[in-house]
Amino acid sequence: MSKKKAFALRINEDMLKAIEKWAGDEFRSTNGQIEWMLMQSLKQAKRNPKQEDRTTDESDS
């Protein structure tokens, strides 16, 4: 599992309310919905984040 980094996000109140409603409709947290939205945008732009090399992680344990 990749590490998550916390950061502050300033967002318009109306936009946040719309995202919160969408998240509820999809049974996700607001944070989870924003992550999903960002991932969809990255995929659409063909800028997917690189996958971690799982073999390295497993051999380190």
C-alpha atoms as a PDB file:
ATOM      1  CA  MET A   1       0.000   0.000   0.000  1.00  0.00           C
ATOM      2  CA  SER A   2       1.371   3.413  -0.901  1.00  0.00           C
ATOM      3  CA  LYS A   3       1.957   6.022   1.747  1.00  0.00           C
ATOM      4  CA  LYS A   4      -0.480   8.909   1.991  1.00  0.00           C
ATOM      5  CA  LYS A   5       0.604  12.471   2.558  1.00  0.00           C
ATOM      6  CA  ALA A   6      -1.661  14.978   4.283  1.00  0.00           C
ATOM      7  CA  PHE A   7      -1.964  18.529   3.000  1.00  0.00           C
ATOM      8  CA  ALA A   8      -4.366  21.442   3.349  1.00  0.00           C
ATOM      9  CA  LEU A   9      -6.801  22.057   0.518  1.00  0.00           C
ATOM     10  CA  ARG A  10      -8.591  25.356   0.101  1.00  0.00           C
ATOM     11  CA  ILE A  11     -11.815  24.840  -1.805  1.00  0.00           C
ATOM     12  CA  ASN A  12     -14.885  26.891  -2.584  1.00  0.00           C
ATOM     13  CA  GLU A  13     -17.703  26.121  -0.117  1.00  0.00           C
ATOM     14  CA  ASP A  14     -20.257  25.382  -2.851  1.00  0.00           C
ATOM     15  CA  MET A  15     -17.821  23.046  -4.616  1.00  0.00           C
ATOM     16  CA  LEU A  16     -17.139  21.212  -1.365  1.00  0.00           C
ATOM     17  CA  LYS A  17     -20.872  20.784  -0.708  1.00  0.00           C
ATOM     18  CA  ALA A  18     -21.304  19.311  -4.208  1.00  0.00           C
ATOM     19  CA  ILE A  19     -18.400  16.900  -3.633  1.00  0.00           C
ATOM     20  CA  GLU A  20     -19.768  15.891  -0.219  1.00  0.00           C
ATOM     21  CA  LYS A  21     -23.172  15.146  -1.791  1.00  0.00           C
ATOM     22  CA  TRP A  22     -21.565  13.141  -4.595  1.00  0.00           C
ATOM     23  CA  ALA A  23     -19.451  11.240  -2.052  1.00  0.00           C
ATOM     24  CA  GLY A  24     -22.549  10.357  -0.045  1.00  0.00           C
ATOM     25  CA  ASP A  25     -24.337   9.170  -3.194  1.00  0.00           C
ATOM     26  CA  GLU A  26     -21.359   6.898  -3.960  1.00  0.00           C
ATOM     27  CA  PHE A  27     -20.955   5.688  -0.337  1.00  0.00           C
ATOM     28  CA  ARG A  28     -17.486   7.243  -0.089  1.00  0.00           C
ATOM     29  CA  SER A  29     -15.905   9.668   2.339  1.00  0.00           C
ATOM     30  CA  THR A  30     -15.309  13.169   1.031  1.00  0.00           C
ATOM     31  CA  ASN A  31     -11.577  12.485   1.041  1.00  0.00           C
ATOM     32  CA  GLY A  32     -12.110   9.206  -0.806  1.00  0.00           C
ATOM     33  CA  GLN A  33     -14.261  10.973  -3.381  1.00  0.00           C
ATOM     34  CA  ILE A  34     -11.622  13.639  -4.003  1.00  0.00           C
ATOM     35  CA  GLU A  35      -8.945  10.932  -4.375  1.00  0.00           C
ATOM     36  CA  TRP A  36     -11.184   9.053  -6.828  1.00  0.00           C
ATOM     37  CA  MET A  37     -11.838  12.233  -8.819  1.00  0.00           C
ATOM     38  CA  LEU A  38      -8.127  13.023  -8.990  1.00  0.00           C
ATOM     39  CA  MET A  39      -7.297   9.468 -10.105  1.00  0.00           C
ATOM     40  CA  GLN A  40      -9.946   9.642 -12.848  1.00  0.00           C
ATOM     41  CA  SER A  41      -8.431  12.906 -14.073  1.00  0.00           C
ATOM     42  CA  LEU A  42      -4.928  11.429 -14.041  1.00  0.00           C
ATOM     43  CA  LYS A  43      -6.089   8.372 -16.012  1.00  0.00           C
ATOM     44  CA  GLN A  44      -7.909  10.528 -18.545  1.00  0.00           C
ATOM     45  CA  ALA A  45      -4.779  12.623 -19.052  1.00  0.00           C
ATOM     46  CA  LYS A  46      -2.672   9.423 -19.259  1.00  0.00           C
ATOM     47  CA  ARG A  47      -0.637  10.548 -16.258  1.00  0.00           C
ATOM     48  CA  ASN A  48      -1.250   7.575 -13.958  1.00  0.00           C
ATOM     49  CA  PRO A  49       1.057   7.471 -10.954  1.00  0.00           C
ATOM     50  CA  LYS A  50       3.737   4.781 -11.209  1.00  0.00           C
ATOM     51  CA  GLN A  51       2.902   1.527  -9.439  1.00  0.00           C
ATOM     52  CA  GLU A  52       5.214   0.504  -6.614  1.00  0.00           C
ATOM     53  CA  ASP A  53       7.474  -2.503  -7.168  1.00  0.00           C
ATOM     54  CA  ARG A  54       5.776  -5.000  -4.838  1.00  0.00           C
ATOM     55  CA  THR A  55       8.570  -7.576  -5.089  1.00  0.00           C
ATOM     56  CA  THR A  56      10.971  -5.126  -3.431  1.00  0.00           C
ATOM     57  CA  ASP A  57       8.500  -4.520  -0.576  1.00  0.00           C
ATOM     58  CA  GLU A  58       7.972  -8.247   0.008  1.00  0.00           C
ATOM     59  CA  SER A  59      11.687  -9.109  -0.007  1.00  0.00           C
ATOM     60  CA  ASP A  60      12.439  -6.391   2.553  1.00  0.00           C
ATOM     61  CA  SER A  61      10.272  -8.008   5.257  1.00  0.00           C
END
